[in-house]
Protein backbone atom coordinates (compact mmCIF):
# COMPACT_ATOMS: atom_id res chain seq x y z
CA MET A 1 -5.69 15.53 31.01
CA ALA A 2 -7.73 12.19 31.01
CA THR A 3 -6.87 9.85 34.20
CA VAL A 4 -5.10 5.98 33.23
CA ALA A 5 -9.34 4.92 33.55
CA THR A 6 -10.10 7.24 30.27
CA LEU A 7 -7.20 7.04 28.83
CA ALA A 8 -7.25 2.72 28.42
CA GLN A 9 -11.30 3.64 27.66
CA GLU A 10 -10.40 5.27 24.25
CA LYS A 11 -9.87 3.67 20.89
CA CYS A 12 -6.45 3.31 18.75
CA THR A 13 -6.51 5.43 15.26
CA ALA A 14 -6.16 4.52 12.09
CA CYS A 15 -2.40 5.37 11.89
CA HIS A 16 -0.41 5.83 8.77
CA LYS A 17 2.84 6.30 7.74
CA ASN A 18 2.47 10.32 7.57
CA ALA A 19 1.23 9.98 11.07
CA PRO A 20 2.06 12.21 13.33
CA ARG A 21 4.87 10.99 16.54
CA ALA A 22 3.57 11.88 20.22
CA THR A 23 5.45 15.41 20.63
CA GLU A 24 7.56 15.42 24.15
CA GLU A 25 4.90 17.28 25.49
CA GLU A 26 2.15 14.77 24.23
CA ILE A 27 4.72 11.80 26.28
CA ALA A 28 4.70 13.69 29.30
CA GLN A 29 1.12 14.21 29.94
CA LEU A 30 0.66 10.62 29.27
CA LYS A 31 3.63 9.11 30.78
CA PRO A 32 2.53 9.39 34.15
CA GLN A 33 -0.92 7.94 33.06
CA ILE A 34 1.50 4.83 32.94
CA PRO A 35 3.93 4.73 35.86
CA ASP A 36 5.00 1.27 35.12
CA TRP A 37 6.18 1.02 31.93
CA LYS A 38 9.88 2.33 30.51
CA ILE A 39 10.49 4.43 27.45
CA VAL A 40 13.24 2.62 25.53
CA GLU A 41 15.30 3.13 22.49
CA ARG A 42 15.87 0.09 20.23
CA ASP A 43 17.32 0.73 16.71
CA GLY A 44 16.99 3.85 17.36
CA VAL A 45 12.76 3.89 17.90
CA PRO A 46 11.25 4.50 21.14
CA ARG A 47 9.29 2.14 22.46
CA LEU A 48 6.91 1.36 26.08
CA GLU A 49 8.29 -1.49 27.56
CA ARG A 50 6.98 -3.19 30.57
CA THR A 51 7.46 -7.05 31.92
CA TYR A 52 4.53 -9.00 34.09
CA LYS A 53 5.38 -11.05 37.03
CA PHE A 54 3.19 -14.63 37.14
CA SER A 55 3.80 -17.58 39.10
CA ASP A 56 3.42 -19.69 36.53
CA PHE A 57 3.98 -19.72 33.00
CA LYS A 58 -0.05 -20.94 32.54
CA THR A 59 -1.22 -17.38 34.01
CA ALA A 60 1.85 -15.97 31.90
CA LEU A 61 0.50 -17.80 29.06
CA ALA A 62 -3.46 -16.66 29.47
CA PHE A 63 -2.42 -12.99 30.21
CA THR A 64 -0.14 -12.70 26.30
CA ASN A 65 -3.41 -14.26 25.31
CA ARG A 66 -5.07 -11.75 25.93
CA ILE A 67 -3.67 -8.70 25.08
CA GLY A 68 -3.30 -10.55 21.81
CA GLU A 69 -7.42 -10.70 21.76
CA LEU A 70 -7.02 -6.65 22.17
CA ALA A 71 -4.21 -5.95 19.73
CA GLU A 72 -6.63 -7.89 17.94
CA ALA A 73 -9.55 -6.00 18.11
CA GLU A 74 -7.63 -3.70 18.02
CA GLY A 75 -5.66 -3.48 14.63
CA HIS A 76 -2.02 -2.60 17.15
CA HIS A 77 0.37 -5.30 18.02
CA PRO A 78 3.21 -5.20 20.01
CA ALA A 79 6.29 -7.00 20.63
CA LEU A 80 5.82 -9.88 23.59
CA LEU A 81 8.13 -12.52 24.88
CA THR A 82 6.18 -15.04 27.17
CA GLU A 83 8.34 -16.59 30.01
CA TRP A 84 7.52 -19.01 32.71
CA GLY A 85 6.31 -16.24 35.23
CA LYS A 86 6.19 -13.26 33.19
CA VAL A 87 5.54 -11.62 30.08
CA THR A 88 7.59 -8.07 27.92
CA ALA A 89 4.96 -6.40 26.85
CA ILE A 90 6.76 -3.54 24.28
CA TRP A 91 4.37 -0.77 22.25
CA TRP A 92 5.20 0.45 19.58
CA THR A 93 3.69 2.27 15.82
CA HIS A 94 6.02 0.13 13.41
CA ALA A 95 4.41 2.63 10.25
CA ILE A 96 6.56 6.16 11.42
CA ARG A 97 9.41 4.54 13.88
CA GLY A 98 7.58 5.95 17.09
CA LEU A 99 5.62 6.45 19.81
CA HIS A 100 2.13 7.66 19.19
CA ARG A 101 -1.13 8.35 21.43
CA ASN A 102 -1.83 4.41 20.06
CA ASP A 103 0.09 2.81 22.03
CA PHE A 104 0.02 4.92 25.52
CA ILE A 105 -3.85 3.37 24.58
CA MET A 106 -2.15 -0.20 24.32
CA ALA A 107 0.02 0.24 27.41
CA ALA A 108 -3.31 1.52 29.92
CA ASN A 109 -5.67 -1.16 28.56
CA THR A 110 -2.55 -3.75 29.00
CA ASP A 111 -2.06 -2.59 32.84
CA GLU A 112 -6.75 -3.40 32.98
CA ILE A 113 -5.88 -6.81 31.88
CA ALA A 114 -3.47 -7.11 34.22
CA SER A 115 -5.39 -5.59 37.33
CA HIS A 116 -6.96 -9.27 36.07
CA PHE A 117 -4.60 -11.69 36.75
CA PRO A 118 -2.74 -12.67 40.06
CA GLN A 119 0.81 -10.60 40.00
CA LYS A 120 4.32 -11.84 41.91
CA ASN A 121 5.19 -8.40 41.73
CA ARG A 122 3.61 -5.29 40.36
CA ALA A 123 6.52 -3.29 39.83
CA GLY A 124 8.25 -3.93 36.37
């Protein structure tokens, strides 16, 4: 089983509308590697969601921009909500309307980016 460090080191694979969604077994294996993320369902689509808290808007915006750079590099893009003192990141694979291993990779990478920013409260 991969560790968070290994999951964060993986690259996204090209995903198309016929790509398989993560199975319940795969989710059970991958989810513990990103323990602070929640699986939420919106519009019938499961998604990974986490809110990070910062001391000000400037830090939240810098964090958002780093996630954006990663998303562009990997060709996999999240929903991001940047507010004063917090950023909510949501990963899912649009093409398959569900979760793919790529989403877990990107969540782990988002946690890695967050580790370089001072946060008010790491839980969330």
